[in-house]
N, C-alpha and C. Protein backbone atom coordinates (compact mmCIF):
# COMPACT_ATOMS: atom_id res chain seq x y z
N CYS A 1 0.41 9.27 69.26
CA CYS A 1 -0.32 9.63 70.46
C CYS A 1 0.57 10.53 71.34
N ARG A 2 0.05 11.66 71.72
CA ARG A 2 0.79 12.61 72.53
C ARG A 2 0.75 12.20 74.00
N ILE A 3 1.88 12.30 74.65
CA ILE A 3 1.95 11.97 76.07
C ILE A 3 1.49 13.20 76.85
N LEU A 4 0.48 13.01 77.70
CA LEU A 4 -0.05 14.11 78.48
C LEU A 4 0.72 14.25 79.78
N PRO A 5 0.80 15.48 80.31
CA PRO A 5 1.44 15.67 81.62
C PRO A 5 0.73 14.81 82.67
N VAL A 6 1.45 14.38 83.67
CA VAL A 6 0.91 13.51 84.71
C VAL A 6 -0.33 14.12 85.35
N TRP A 7 -0.30 15.41 85.66
CA TRP A 7 -1.43 16.03 86.35
C TRP A 7 -2.68 16.05 85.48
N LEU A 8 -2.51 15.96 84.14
CA LEU A 8 -3.67 15.98 83.25
C LEU A 8 -4.21 14.58 83.02
N LYS A 9 -3.37 13.54 83.21
CA LYS A 9 -3.83 12.17 83.01
C LYS A 9 -4.89 11.80 84.04
N MET A 10 -4.70 12.21 85.25
CA MET A 10 -5.64 11.89 86.32
C MET A 10 -5.98 13.16 87.09
N PRO A 11 -6.68 14.10 86.45
CA PRO A 11 -6.99 15.36 87.13
C PRO A 11 -7.99 15.15 88.26
N SER A 12 -7.90 16.02 89.23
CA SER A 12 -8.85 15.99 90.34
C SER A 12 -10.22 16.40 89.83
N PRO A 13 -11.27 16.04 90.55
CA PRO A 13 -12.62 16.47 90.14
C PRO A 13 -12.72 17.99 90.00
N LEU A 14 -12.06 18.73 90.88
CA LEU A 14 -12.09 20.18 90.80
C LEU A 14 -11.44 20.67 89.51
N MET A 15 -10.27 20.08 89.17
CA MET A 15 -9.58 20.45 87.93
C MET A 15 -10.43 20.06 86.73
N MET A 16 -11.08 18.90 86.75
CA MET A 16 -11.93 18.48 85.63
C MET A 16 -13.08 19.47 85.44
N ASN A 17 -13.73 19.84 86.55
CA ASN A 17 -14.83 20.80 86.45
C ASN A 17 -14.35 22.12 85.87
N PHE A 18 -13.17 22.57 86.30
CA PHE A 18 -12.60 23.81 85.79
C PHE A 18 -12.33 23.70 84.30
N LEU A 19 -11.67 22.62 83.87
CA LEU A 19 -11.33 22.44 82.45
C LEU A 19 -12.59 22.35 81.59
N VAL A 20 -13.59 21.59 82.06
CA VAL A 20 -14.84 21.46 81.31
C VAL A 20 -15.54 22.81 81.22
N SER A 21 -15.55 23.56 82.31
CA SER A 21 -16.18 24.88 82.32
C SER A 21 -15.50 25.82 81.33
N ILE A 22 -14.17 25.80 81.31
CA ILE A 22 -13.43 26.66 80.38
C ILE A 22 -13.72 26.25 78.94
N MET A 23 -13.68 24.97 78.67
CA MET A 23 -13.90 24.49 77.31
C MET A 23 -15.32 24.78 76.82
N ARG A 24 -16.30 24.65 77.71
CA ARG A 24 -17.69 24.88 77.33
C ARG A 24 -18.08 26.34 77.42
N ARG A 25 -17.30 27.11 78.13
CA ARG A 25 -17.63 28.50 78.41
C ARG A 25 -18.98 28.58 79.13
N ASP A 26 -19.07 27.82 80.23
CA ASP A 26 -20.28 27.80 81.04
C ASP A 26 -20.37 29.02 81.94
N TRP A 27 -19.81 30.10 81.55
CA TRP A 27 -19.79 31.28 82.38
C TRP A 27 -20.03 32.49 81.48
N THR A 28 -20.45 33.54 82.08
CA THR A 28 -20.70 34.78 81.36
C THR A 28 -19.53 35.72 81.61
N PRO A 29 -18.94 36.26 80.54
CA PRO A 29 -17.83 37.20 80.74
C PRO A 29 -18.29 38.41 81.57
N PRO A 30 -17.40 38.95 82.40
CA PRO A 30 -17.77 40.10 83.21
C PRO A 30 -18.21 41.29 82.34
N ALA A 31 -19.34 41.85 82.68
CA ALA A 31 -19.86 43.01 81.96
C ALA A 31 -20.89 43.70 82.85
N ASP A 32 -21.11 44.98 82.60
CA ASP A 32 -22.17 45.72 83.28
C ASP A 32 -22.86 46.57 82.21
N ILE A 33 -23.84 45.97 81.57
CA ILE A 33 -24.53 46.60 80.44
C ILE A 33 -25.26 47.86 80.89
N ASP A 34 -25.82 47.83 82.09
CA ASP A 34 -26.52 49.02 82.59
C ASP A 34 -25.55 50.18 82.80
N ALA A 35 -24.35 49.88 83.30
CA ALA A 35 -23.34 50.93 83.49
C ALA A 35 -22.91 51.50 82.14
N GLU A 36 -22.75 50.63 81.14
CA GLU A 36 -22.38 51.10 79.79
C GLU A 36 -23.44 52.07 79.27
N ARG A 37 -24.70 51.65 79.38
CA ARG A 37 -25.80 52.46 78.87
C ARG A 37 -25.92 53.79 79.63
N SER A 38 -25.82 53.74 80.95
CA SER A 38 -25.92 54.96 81.75
C SER A 38 -24.77 55.92 81.44
N LEU A 39 -23.57 55.36 81.23
CA LEU A 39 -22.42 56.21 80.91
C LEU A 39 -22.65 56.92 79.57
N ILE A 40 -23.07 56.17 78.56
CA ILE A 40 -23.33 56.78 77.26
C ILE A 40 -24.44 57.80 77.36
N SER A 41 -25.51 57.46 78.06
CA SER A 41 -26.65 58.37 78.22
C SER A 41 -26.22 59.67 78.91
N THR A 42 -25.43 59.55 79.95
CA THR A 42 -24.99 60.72 80.70
C THR A 42 -24.06 61.60 79.87
N LEU A 43 -23.07 60.97 79.23
CA LEU A 43 -22.05 61.76 78.52
C LEU A 43 -22.54 62.32 77.19
N CYS A 44 -23.55 61.71 76.61
CA CYS A 44 -24.02 62.17 75.29
C CYS A 44 -25.18 63.16 75.37
N GLN A 45 -25.34 63.78 76.52
CA GLN A 45 -26.34 64.84 76.64
C GLN A 45 -25.71 66.17 76.22
N PRO A 46 -26.46 67.01 75.53
CA PRO A 46 -25.91 68.30 75.12
C PRO A 46 -25.35 69.06 76.33
N GLY A 47 -24.17 69.63 76.14
CA GLY A 47 -23.52 70.39 77.18
C GLY A 47 -22.49 69.59 77.97
N ASN A 48 -22.43 68.29 77.75
CA ASN A 48 -21.49 67.43 78.48
C ASN A 48 -20.24 67.10 77.66
N GLU A 49 -19.98 67.86 76.60
CA GLU A 49 -18.89 67.53 75.70
C GLU A 49 -17.52 67.48 76.37
N VAL A 50 -17.25 68.40 77.28
CA VAL A 50 -15.93 68.43 77.93
C VAL A 50 -15.74 67.19 78.79
N THR A 51 -16.72 66.89 79.61
CA THR A 51 -16.65 65.68 80.44
C THR A 51 -16.62 64.44 79.57
N ALA A 52 -17.44 64.42 78.52
CA ALA A 52 -17.48 63.27 77.62
C ALA A 52 -16.12 63.04 76.97
N PHE A 53 -15.50 64.11 76.49
CA PHE A 53 -14.19 63.97 75.86
C PHE A 53 -13.17 63.43 76.86
N ASP A 54 -13.20 63.99 78.06
CA ASP A 54 -12.25 63.56 79.09
C ASP A 54 -12.41 62.08 79.41
N LEU A 55 -13.64 61.63 79.64
CA LEU A 55 -13.86 60.23 80.03
C LEU A 55 -13.75 59.27 78.85
N PHE A 56 -14.37 59.62 77.72
CA PHE A 56 -14.30 58.73 76.55
C PHE A 56 -12.86 58.56 76.07
N SER A 57 -12.02 59.58 76.24
CA SER A 57 -10.62 59.49 75.80
C SER A 57 -9.83 58.47 76.61
N HIS A 58 -10.32 58.15 77.79
CA HIS A 58 -9.64 57.17 78.64
C HIS A 58 -10.22 55.77 78.50
N LEU A 59 -11.19 55.63 77.62
CA LEU A 59 -11.80 54.33 77.37
C LEU A 59 -11.36 53.81 76.01
N VAL A 60 -11.58 52.54 75.78
CA VAL A 60 -11.35 51.94 74.47
C VAL A 60 -12.65 51.25 74.06
N GLU A 61 -12.78 51.01 72.78
CA GLU A 61 -14.01 50.40 72.27
C GLU A 61 -14.34 49.09 72.99
N GLN A 62 -13.31 48.32 73.33
CA GLN A 62 -13.52 47.03 73.97
C GLN A 62 -14.06 47.15 75.40
N ASP A 63 -14.10 48.35 75.95
CA ASP A 63 -14.71 48.55 77.27
C ASP A 63 -16.22 48.28 77.20
N PHE A 64 -16.79 48.41 76.02
CA PHE A 64 -18.22 48.23 75.82
C PHE A 64 -18.49 46.84 75.25
N THR A 65 -19.44 46.13 75.82
CA THR A 65 -19.70 44.76 75.38
C THR A 65 -20.85 44.67 74.39
N VAL A 66 -21.78 45.59 74.43
CA VAL A 66 -22.93 45.58 73.53
C VAL A 66 -22.52 46.26 72.22
N PRO A 67 -22.74 45.61 71.07
CA PRO A 67 -22.35 46.21 69.79
C PRO A 67 -22.91 47.62 69.57
N ALA A 68 -24.14 47.86 69.98
CA ALA A 68 -24.72 49.20 69.82
C ALA A 68 -23.98 50.22 70.69
N HIS A 69 -23.56 49.81 71.88
CA HIS A 69 -22.82 50.71 72.76
C HIS A 69 -21.44 51.02 72.16
N ARG A 70 -20.80 50.01 71.58
CA ARG A 70 -19.51 50.24 70.91
C ARG A 70 -19.67 51.23 69.76
N ALA A 71 -20.73 51.04 69.00
CA ALA A 71 -20.97 51.93 67.85
C ALA A 71 -21.25 53.36 68.33
N LEU A 72 -22.01 53.51 69.41
CA LEU A 72 -22.28 54.85 69.93
C LEU A 72 -21.03 55.48 70.53
N TYR A 73 -20.19 54.69 71.15
CA TYR A 73 -18.90 55.20 71.65
C TYR A 73 -18.08 55.74 70.47
N ARG A 74 -17.97 54.94 69.39
CA ARG A 74 -17.20 55.39 68.20
C ARG A 74 -17.82 56.65 67.61
N ALA A 75 -19.15 56.68 67.56
CA ALA A 75 -19.83 57.86 67.01
C ALA A 75 -19.58 59.08 67.88
N ALA A 76 -19.69 58.92 69.18
CA ALA A 76 -19.46 60.05 70.10
C ALA A 76 -18.03 60.56 69.93
N MET A 77 -17.05 59.66 69.83
CA MET A 77 -15.67 60.09 69.64
C MET A 77 -15.51 60.82 68.31
N GLY A 78 -16.23 60.36 67.28
CA GLY A 78 -16.19 61.05 65.99
C GLY A 78 -16.74 62.46 66.09
N VAL A 79 -17.86 62.61 66.79
CA VAL A 79 -18.46 63.93 66.99
C VAL A 79 -17.51 64.82 67.80
N LEU A 80 -16.95 64.27 68.87
CA LEU A 80 -16.05 65.04 69.72
C LEU A 80 -14.75 65.41 69.00
N ASP A 81 -14.24 64.50 68.17
CA ASP A 81 -13.00 64.79 67.43
C ASP A 81 -13.15 65.96 66.48
N ARG A 82 -14.36 66.20 66.02
CA ARG A 82 -14.58 67.36 65.13
C ARG A 82 -15.25 68.52 65.87
N ASN A 83 -15.16 68.47 67.21
CA ASN A 83 -15.69 69.53 68.08
C ASN A 83 -17.19 69.77 67.88
N GLY A 84 -17.92 68.71 67.60
CA GLY A 84 -19.37 68.82 67.44
C GLY A 84 -20.08 68.74 68.78
N GLU A 85 -21.37 69.00 68.74
CA GLU A 85 -22.20 68.92 69.94
C GLU A 85 -22.80 67.53 70.03
N LEU A 86 -22.71 66.93 71.20
CA LEU A 86 -23.29 65.61 71.39
C LEU A 86 -24.80 65.71 71.56
N ASN A 87 -25.51 65.15 70.62
CA ASN A 87 -26.96 65.03 70.71
C ASN A 87 -27.38 63.90 69.78
N SER A 88 -28.63 63.52 69.84
CA SER A 88 -29.09 62.35 69.08
C SER A 88 -28.93 62.53 67.57
N LEU A 89 -29.14 63.74 67.06
CA LEU A 89 -29.02 63.96 65.61
C LEU A 89 -27.57 63.88 65.15
N GLU A 90 -26.66 64.44 65.92
CA GLU A 90 -25.23 64.36 65.57
C GLU A 90 -24.74 62.91 65.64
N LEU A 91 -25.19 62.19 66.66
CA LEU A 91 -24.81 60.79 66.78
C LEU A 91 -25.37 59.96 65.62
N LYS A 92 -26.60 60.26 65.21
CA LYS A 92 -27.19 59.57 64.05
C LYS A 92 -26.38 59.83 62.80
N ALA A 93 -26.02 61.09 62.58
CA ALA A 93 -25.23 61.44 61.40
C ALA A 93 -23.87 60.74 61.42
N GLU A 94 -23.24 60.68 62.59
CA GLU A 94 -21.93 60.04 62.71
C GLU A 94 -22.05 58.52 62.53
N CYS A 95 -23.09 57.92 63.10
CA CYS A 95 -23.30 56.48 62.91
C CYS A 95 -23.54 56.18 61.43
N ASP A 96 -24.31 57.03 60.77
CA ASP A 96 -24.56 56.86 59.34
C ASP A 96 -23.26 56.96 58.56
N LYS A 97 -22.45 57.94 58.90
CA LYS A 97 -21.14 58.14 58.24
C LYS A 97 -20.23 56.93 58.44
N GLN A 98 -20.27 56.36 59.65
CA GLN A 98 -19.41 55.22 59.98
C GLN A 98 -20.01 53.88 59.57
N GLY A 99 -21.23 53.90 59.05
CA GLY A 99 -21.88 52.67 58.61
C GLY A 99 -22.40 51.81 59.75
N SER A 100 -22.70 52.41 60.88
CA SER A 100 -23.14 51.63 62.03
C SER A 100 -24.57 51.94 62.47
N LEU A 101 -25.33 52.60 61.60
CA LEU A 101 -26.70 52.97 61.97
C LEU A 101 -27.57 51.73 62.21
N VAL A 102 -27.36 50.68 61.44
CA VAL A 102 -28.11 49.43 61.64
C VAL A 102 -27.73 48.81 62.98
N THR A 103 -26.44 48.87 63.33
CA THR A 103 -25.96 48.28 64.59
C THR A 103 -26.64 48.91 65.80
N VAL A 104 -26.91 50.21 65.74
CA VAL A 104 -27.54 50.90 66.87
C VAL A 104 -29.07 50.89 66.76
N ASN A 105 -29.60 50.17 65.77
CA ASN A 105 -31.05 50.07 65.55
C ASN A 105 -31.66 51.41 65.13
N GLY A 106 -30.91 52.14 64.29
CA GLY A 106 -31.41 53.39 63.74
C GLY A 106 -31.52 54.51 64.77
N TYR A 107 -32.18 55.56 64.34
CA TYR A 107 -32.35 56.72 65.21
C TYR A 107 -33.11 56.35 66.48
N THR A 108 -34.10 55.48 66.34
CA THR A 108 -34.88 55.04 67.50
C THR A 108 -34.00 54.38 68.55
N GLY A 109 -33.05 53.55 68.11
CA GLY A 109 -32.14 52.89 69.02
C GLY A 109 -31.23 53.88 69.75
N ILE A 110 -30.79 54.91 69.02
CA ILE A 110 -29.95 55.94 69.64
C ILE A 110 -30.73 56.66 70.73
N VAL A 111 -31.95 57.09 70.40
CA VAL A 111 -32.79 57.80 71.37
C VAL A 111 -33.07 56.91 72.58
N GLU A 112 -33.31 55.63 72.34
CA GLU A 112 -33.58 54.70 73.45
C GLU A 112 -32.39 54.62 74.41
N VAL A 113 -31.17 54.51 73.87
CA VAL A 113 -29.99 54.45 74.74
C VAL A 113 -29.80 55.77 75.47
N LEU A 114 -30.02 56.88 74.78
CA LEU A 114 -29.82 58.19 75.41
C LEU A 114 -30.87 58.49 76.48
N GLN A 115 -31.97 57.74 76.50
CA GLN A 115 -32.98 57.91 77.54
C GLN A 115 -32.67 57.08 78.78
N GLY A 116 -31.50 56.44 78.79
CA GLY A 116 -31.10 55.65 79.96
C GLY A 116 -30.88 56.55 81.16
N ASP A 117 -30.66 55.92 82.29
CA ASP A 117 -30.43 56.66 83.53
C ASP A 117 -29.18 57.53 83.43
N GLU A 118 -29.32 58.77 83.83
CA GLU A 118 -28.16 59.66 83.92
C GLU A 118 -27.63 59.59 85.35
N VAL A 119 -26.32 59.72 85.47
CA VAL A 119 -25.70 59.62 86.80
C VAL A 119 -24.90 60.88 87.09
N GLY A 120 -24.71 61.13 88.37
CA GLY A 120 -23.95 62.30 88.79
C GLY A 120 -22.44 62.10 88.74
N ASN A 121 -21.99 60.83 88.76
CA ASN A 121 -20.56 60.54 88.76
C ASN A 121 -20.22 59.57 87.63
N PRO A 122 -20.19 60.08 86.39
CA PRO A 122 -19.90 59.18 85.26
C PRO A 122 -18.49 58.59 85.32
N ALA A 123 -17.57 59.24 86.01
CA ALA A 123 -16.20 58.69 86.12
C ALA A 123 -16.23 57.34 86.82
N TYR A 124 -17.13 57.18 87.78
CA TYR A 124 -17.26 55.89 88.47
C TYR A 124 -17.70 54.81 87.48
N LEU A 125 -18.68 55.12 86.62
CA LEU A 125 -19.15 54.14 85.64
C LEU A 125 -18.04 53.79 84.65
N ALA A 126 -17.25 54.79 84.25
CA ALA A 126 -16.14 54.54 83.34
C ALA A 126 -15.15 53.56 83.98
N GLU A 127 -14.90 53.76 85.26
CA GLU A 127 -13.99 52.86 85.98
C GLU A 127 -14.57 51.44 86.07
N VAL A 128 -15.87 51.34 86.30
CA VAL A 128 -16.52 50.03 86.38
C VAL A 128 -16.37 49.27 85.07
N ILE A 129 -16.67 49.93 83.95
CA ILE A 129 -16.62 49.19 82.68
C ILE A 129 -15.18 48.90 82.26
N GLN A 130 -14.25 49.77 82.64
CA GLN A 130 -12.83 49.47 82.37
C GLN A 130 -12.39 48.25 83.17
N THR A 131 -12.81 48.18 84.41
CA THR A 131 -12.46 47.04 85.26
C THR A 131 -13.03 45.74 84.68
N LYS A 132 -14.27 45.80 84.20
CA LYS A 132 -14.88 44.62 83.59
C LYS A 132 -14.10 44.19 82.34
N ARG A 133 -13.68 45.15 81.52
CA ARG A 133 -12.89 44.83 80.32
C ARG A 133 -11.57 44.17 80.70
N LYS A 134 -10.93 44.70 81.72
CA LYS A 134 -9.66 44.11 82.16
C LYS A 134 -9.87 42.68 82.65
N HIS A 135 -10.95 42.44 83.37
CA HIS A 135 -11.25 41.07 83.79
C HIS A 135 -11.46 40.16 82.58
N ARG A 136 -12.17 40.65 81.56
CA ARG A 136 -12.37 39.84 80.34
C ARG A 136 -11.03 39.53 79.68
N GLN A 137 -10.16 40.53 79.60
CA GLN A 137 -8.85 40.32 79.00
C GLN A 137 -8.03 39.31 79.79
N LEU A 138 -8.08 39.40 81.11
CA LEU A 138 -7.32 38.46 81.94
C LEU A 138 -7.84 37.04 81.78
N ILE A 139 -9.16 36.89 81.66
CA ILE A 139 -9.73 35.56 81.45
C ILE A 139 -9.24 34.98 80.13
N LEU A 140 -9.27 35.78 79.07
CA LEU A 140 -8.80 35.30 77.77
C LEU A 140 -7.31 34.97 77.81
N MET A 141 -6.53 35.80 78.48
CA MET A 141 -5.10 35.50 78.61
C MET A 141 -4.89 34.21 79.39
N GLY A 142 -5.69 34.00 80.43
CA GLY A 142 -5.58 32.78 81.22
C GLY A 142 -5.90 31.55 80.40
N GLU A 143 -6.94 31.66 79.55
CA GLU A 143 -7.28 30.54 78.66
C GLU A 143 -6.12 30.24 77.71
N LYS A 144 -5.57 31.28 77.10
CA LYS A 144 -4.46 31.08 76.17
C LYS A 144 -3.25 30.48 76.89
N LEU A 145 -2.98 30.98 78.08
CA LEU A 145 -1.86 30.46 78.86
C LEU A 145 -2.08 28.98 79.18
N MET A 146 -3.28 28.64 79.60
CA MET A 146 -3.59 27.26 79.93
C MET A 146 -3.40 26.36 78.71
N HIS A 147 -3.93 26.77 77.57
CA HIS A 147 -3.81 25.96 76.35
C HIS A 147 -2.35 25.80 75.94
N ARG A 148 -1.58 26.87 76.03
CA ARG A 148 -0.15 26.79 75.66
C ARG A 148 0.60 25.87 76.59
N CYS A 149 0.29 25.94 77.87
CA CYS A 149 0.99 25.08 78.83
C CYS A 149 0.59 23.63 78.70
N ILE A 150 -0.70 23.37 78.47
CA ILE A 150 -1.15 21.99 78.27
C ILE A 150 -0.48 21.39 77.04
N ALA A 151 -0.38 22.18 75.97
CA ALA A 151 0.25 21.70 74.73
C ALA A 151 1.77 21.77 74.80
N GLU A 152 2.29 22.31 75.89
CA GLU A 152 3.73 22.48 76.08
C GLU A 152 4.37 23.23 74.90
N GLU A 153 3.69 24.31 74.48
CA GLU A 153 4.19 25.15 73.39
C GLU A 153 5.14 26.20 73.93
N GLY A 154 6.35 26.21 73.42
CA GLY A 154 7.32 27.22 73.80
C GLY A 154 8.02 26.92 75.11
N HIS A 155 9.15 27.54 75.26
CA HIS A 155 9.92 27.40 76.50
C HIS A 155 9.19 28.16 77.60
N PRO A 156 9.12 27.61 78.81
CA PRO A 156 8.39 28.29 79.90
C PRO A 156 8.84 29.74 80.13
N ASP A 157 10.15 30.02 80.03
CA ASP A 157 10.61 31.39 80.24
C ASP A 157 10.06 32.33 79.18
N ASP A 158 9.98 31.85 77.93
CA ASP A 158 9.42 32.67 76.85
C ASP A 158 7.93 32.93 77.07
N VAL A 159 7.23 31.89 77.50
CA VAL A 159 5.79 32.03 77.76
C VAL A 159 5.57 33.01 78.91
N ILE A 160 6.38 32.89 79.95
CA ILE A 160 6.27 33.81 81.09
C ILE A 160 6.52 35.24 80.65
N ALA A 161 7.55 35.45 79.85
CA ALA A 161 7.88 36.80 79.37
C ALA A 161 6.74 37.36 78.53
N GLU A 162 6.21 36.53 77.65
CA GLU A 162 5.12 36.99 76.79
C GLU A 162 3.88 37.37 77.60
N PHE A 163 3.50 36.52 78.54
CA PHE A 163 2.31 36.80 79.31
C PHE A 163 2.53 37.90 80.34
N SER A 164 3.75 38.06 80.82
CA SER A 164 4.06 39.18 81.71
C SER A 164 3.88 40.50 80.96
N ALA A 165 4.35 40.52 79.72
CA ALA A 165 4.17 41.72 78.90
C ALA A 165 2.69 41.98 78.65
N GLY A 166 1.93 40.92 78.41
CA GLY A 166 0.49 41.07 78.22
C GLY A 166 -0.19 41.62 79.45
N LEU A 167 0.23 41.15 80.61
CA LEU A 167 -0.33 41.66 81.87
C LEU A 167 0.00 43.14 82.05
N ALA A 168 1.21 43.51 81.70
CA ALA A 168 1.60 44.92 81.79
C ALA A 168 0.75 45.77 80.87
N ASP A 169 0.44 45.23 79.70
CA ASP A 169 -0.39 45.96 78.75
C ASP A 169 -1.80 46.15 79.30
N VAL A 170 -2.37 45.11 79.88
CA VAL A 170 -3.71 45.21 80.47
C VAL A 170 -3.70 46.24 81.59
N ALA A 171 -2.65 46.24 82.39
CA ALA A 171 -2.56 47.16 83.52
C ALA A 171 -2.41 48.61 83.09
N SER A 172 -1.72 48.83 81.99
CA SER A 172 -1.41 50.21 81.61
C SER A 172 -2.33 50.79 80.55
N ARG A 173 -3.12 50.01 79.86
CA ARG A 173 -3.93 50.53 78.77
C ARG A 173 -5.19 51.18 79.31
N ASN A 174 -5.08 52.48 79.55
CA ASN A 174 -6.23 53.23 80.06
C ASN A 174 -6.67 54.33 79.12
N SER A 175 -6.05 54.44 77.97
CA SER A 175 -6.41 55.51 77.06
C SER A 175 -6.28 55.05 75.62
N ARG A 176 -7.31 55.30 74.83
CA ARG A 176 -7.25 54.91 73.43
C ARG A 176 -6.18 55.71 72.70
N ARG A 177 -5.81 56.85 73.23
CA ARG A 177 -4.83 57.71 72.57
C ARG A 177 -3.40 57.36 72.96
N SER A 178 -3.22 56.54 74.00
CA SER A 178 -1.86 56.23 74.41
C SER A 178 -1.60 54.73 74.52
N SER A 179 -2.48 53.91 73.94
CA SER A 179 -2.26 52.47 74.06
C SER A 179 -1.13 52.03 73.14
N ILE A 180 -0.41 51.02 73.58
CA ILE A 180 0.71 50.48 72.83
C ILE A 180 0.33 49.07 72.42
N PRO A 181 0.53 48.71 71.15
CA PRO A 181 0.19 47.35 70.73
C PRO A 181 0.97 46.32 71.54
N LEU A 182 0.31 45.21 71.85
CA LEU A 182 0.91 44.13 72.63
C LEU A 182 2.18 43.63 71.96
N SER A 183 2.20 43.56 70.64
CA SER A 183 3.38 43.06 69.93
C SER A 183 4.62 43.91 70.24
N GLU A 184 4.43 45.23 70.36
CA GLU A 184 5.56 46.10 70.69
C GLU A 184 6.06 45.84 72.11
N ILE A 185 5.13 45.61 73.03
CA ILE A 185 5.52 45.35 74.41
C ILE A 185 6.27 44.03 74.50
N VAL A 186 5.79 42.99 73.79
CA VAL A 186 6.46 41.69 73.81
C VAL A 186 7.86 41.81 73.25
N ILE A 187 8.03 42.53 72.13
CA ILE A 187 9.35 42.70 71.52
C ILE A 187 10.28 43.43 72.47
N GLU A 188 9.76 44.51 73.11
CA GLU A 188 10.59 45.25 74.07
C GLU A 188 10.97 44.39 75.26
N ALA A 189 10.02 43.58 75.74
CA ALA A 189 10.31 42.72 76.89
C ALA A 189 11.37 41.67 76.55
N GLN A 190 11.31 41.14 75.33
CA GLN A 190 12.26 40.12 74.92
C GLN A 190 13.66 40.69 74.75
N HIS A 191 13.75 41.93 74.33
CA HIS A 191 15.04 42.54 74.07
C HIS A 191 15.55 43.43 75.22
N GLY A 192 14.74 43.54 76.26
CA GLY A 192 15.16 44.28 77.44
C GLY A 192 15.16 45.78 77.29
N HIS A 193 14.38 46.32 76.34
CA HIS A 193 14.29 47.77 76.17
C HIS A 193 13.22 48.33 77.07
N PRO A 194 13.41 49.58 77.55
CA PRO A 194 12.40 50.18 78.42
C PRO A 194 11.14 50.54 77.67
């Protein structure tokens, strides 16, 4: 029988509600599906390739929560990487090439997403969905931290260093082209390299 920390043996009602909520996942992860759809709709209109490349290059696939939106993001990046024109037919061809046509519900699904609301300031929407992704990452890190601390896994200084590096990664990862794997950051943090 494992000896539990004193604070866990007799947790307060507030702590119990928090722990039960975390364990059950009685909450919805932060997301803005309408912002995702409007961003894709706005950037994937013919003639918006320069703006699309600029904004999509600063996003990562995990910024999108809907599988179809993730697939369209990947398809748009594929079209842009080969200097193609963003339109429904090019996106369909790229989704087909990437094997994600079913995920986006075929050509009809692509057209449906592209008929979403267009906005005048897509950079704002990109910032919104990035912020939501960062909140999701922080929640997951918090869960992992809580579980590690409850189980008393690892020395506290090592856990702090690891999660500090993870926080730095969340704070700095704003571009799919310049992201650094978390494992590299943890190794650098442990060895004191810049």
